Amino acid sequence: MSIDNALASVAVKDIDKAAAWYTELLGSSGHRPMPEVEEWMFPRGGGLQVYQGAERAGNCSFTLAVSDIEAVAQKLAAMGVPPGARTSNERVKTLMIKDPDGNSIAIAEALDPAIAR
């Protein structure tokens, strides 16, 4: 089997409310391939699907790779998103947050060029 790409998915209670929040976070509108799914595709590959699934909402996690974690931290503060744990080492900086449904989001900036693809 050859895998060409992957999509992260996250369950939310209300797709319309979540789509608005994720649009503010991601800075661009997603598209809705079906009524219960909002989807974003990223320039360097991969994507995120936010879907209506109240029974799983708050139990999902995923990572967003960014090039400037400090700019993202400022944007999150402007959105009123409380910052979670921050870590940093010679390879990567991370910042943990939660979406309004309680799903865990890791924001990660690769510092090591070997992992920054």
Protein backbone atom coordinates (compact mmCIF):
# COMPACT_ATOMS: atom_id res chain seq x y z
CA MET A 1 0.00 0.00 0.00
CA SER A 2 1.26 3.46 -0.88
CA ILE A 3 -0.11 6.41 1.13
CA ASP A 4 0.01 9.72 -0.72
CA ASN A 5 -1.42 12.03 1.93
CA ALA A 6 -3.61 12.10 5.04
CA LEU A 7 -6.49 14.07 6.51
CA ALA A 8 -6.94 14.75 10.19
CA SER A 9 -10.53 14.73 11.41
CA VAL A 10 -12.14 16.20 14.48
CA ALA A 11 -15.68 15.73 15.79
CA VAL A 12 -17.72 18.71 16.96
CA LYS A 13 -21.18 19.22 18.43
CA ASP A 14 -22.37 21.91 16.00
CA ILE A 15 -20.78 22.05 12.54
CA ASP A 16 -21.85 25.64 11.81
CA LYS A 17 -20.44 27.05 15.07
CA ALA A 18 -17.27 24.98 14.75
CA ALA A 19 -16.77 25.98 11.10
CA ALA A 20 -16.89 29.66 12.12
CA TRP A 21 -14.33 29.09 14.92
CA TYR A 22 -11.98 27.05 12.74
CA THR A 23 -12.26 29.62 9.94
CA GLU A 24 -11.12 32.29 12.39
CA LEU A 25 -8.28 30.06 13.59
CA LEU A 26 -7.10 28.93 10.17
CA GLY A 27 -7.55 32.28 8.48
CA SER A 28 -9.36 30.93 5.47
CA SER A 29 -12.71 29.43 4.66
CA GLY A 30 -13.03 25.73 4.28
CA HIS A 31 -15.43 24.09 1.92
CA ARG A 32 -18.35 21.84 2.72
CA PRO A 33 -18.20 18.65 0.63
CA MET A 34 -21.28 17.38 2.51
CA PRO A 35 -23.68 19.03 4.97
CA GLU A 36 -22.02 17.64 8.10
CA VAL A 37 -18.36 18.23 7.09
CA GLU A 38 -16.21 21.35 6.69
CA GLU A 39 -12.79 20.73 5.15
CA TRP A 40 -9.54 22.68 4.78
CA MET A 41 -6.62 21.66 2.57
CA PHE A 42 -3.15 23.04 3.31
CA PRO A 43 -0.54 24.33 0.84
CA ARG A 44 2.19 21.86 1.86
CA GLY A 45 -0.17 18.88 1.93
CA GLY A 46 -2.64 17.28 4.25
CA GLY A 47 -5.93 18.62 5.44
CA LEU A 48 -8.41 18.93 8.28
CA GLN A 49 -11.99 17.71 8.30
CA VAL A 50 -14.30 19.06 11.00
CA TYR A 51 -17.45 16.96 11.18
CA GLN A 52 -20.71 16.84 13.09
CA GLY A 53 -20.37 14.05 15.65
CA ALA A 54 -21.62 15.06 19.07
CA GLU A 55 -20.93 11.59 20.54
CA ARG A 56 -17.17 11.99 19.82
CA ALA A 57 -16.81 15.76 20.26
CA GLY A 58 -14.15 16.70 22.77
CA ASN A 59 -12.28 13.40 22.41
CA CYS A 60 -10.20 14.18 19.31
CA SER A 61 -6.70 15.56 18.82
CA PHE A 62 -4.54 16.70 15.93
CA THR A 63 -1.45 18.79 15.16
CA LEU A 64 -1.16 21.90 13.02
CA ALA A 65 2.34 22.57 11.66
CA VAL A 66 3.15 26.30 11.46
CA SER A 67 6.16 28.39 10.49
CA ASP A 68 5.77 31.07 13.21
CA ILE A 69 4.35 29.82 16.49
CA GLU A 70 4.63 33.26 18.14
CA ALA A 71 2.37 34.81 15.48
CA VAL A 72 -0.13 32.00 16.06
CA ALA A 73 0.04 32.56 19.84
CA GLN A 74 -0.80 36.25 19.28
CA LYS A 75 -3.72 35.33 17.01
CA LEU A 76 -5.04 32.87 19.61
CA ALA A 77 -4.82 35.53 22.31
CA ALA A 78 -6.79 37.92 20.09
CA MET A 79 -9.41 35.18 19.64
CA GLY A 80 -9.65 34.75 23.42
CA VAL A 81 -8.30 31.18 23.29
CA PRO A 82 -6.54 30.33 26.54
CA PRO A 83 -3.04 28.98 25.93
CA GLY A 84 -2.19 25.58 27.28
CA ALA A 85 1.17 23.99 27.88
CA ARG A 86 4.14 25.19 25.84
CA THR A 87 7.25 23.15 25.19
CA SER A 88 10.43 23.83 23.30
CA ASN A 89 13.58 21.93 22.48
CA GLU A 90 16.20 22.08 19.72
CA ARG A 91 13.85 20.33 17.26
CA VAL A 92 10.37 21.77 17.81
CA LYS A 93 8.26 24.32 19.69
CA THR A 94 4.70 23.38 20.66
CA LEU A 95 1.66 25.10 22.08
CA MET A 96 -1.41 23.16 23.21
CA ILE A 97 -4.95 24.58 22.96
CA LYS A 98 -8.53 23.32 23.03
CA ASP A 99 -11.30 24.08 20.58
CA PRO A 100 -14.72 25.15 21.95
CA ASP A 101 -15.81 21.47 22.14
CA GLY A 102 -12.71 20.47 24.12
CA ASN A 103 -10.75 18.78 21.32
CA SER A 104 -6.96 19.03 21.76
CA ILE A 105 -4.93 20.91 19.18
CA ALA A 106 -1.14 20.93 19.15
CA ILE A 107 0.41 23.87 17.33
CA ALA A 108 3.96 22.93 16.30
CA GLU A 109 6.84 24.85 14.74
CA ALA A 110 9.69 22.67 13.52
CA LEU A 111 13.13 24.13 14.29
CA ASP A 112 15.09 21.21 12.87
CA PRO A 113 15.18 21.38 9.05
CA ALA A 114 15.17 17.57 8.94
CA ILE A 115 11.59 17.52 10.26
CA ALA A 116 10.37 20.74 8.58
CA ARG A 117 8.91 19.31 5.39
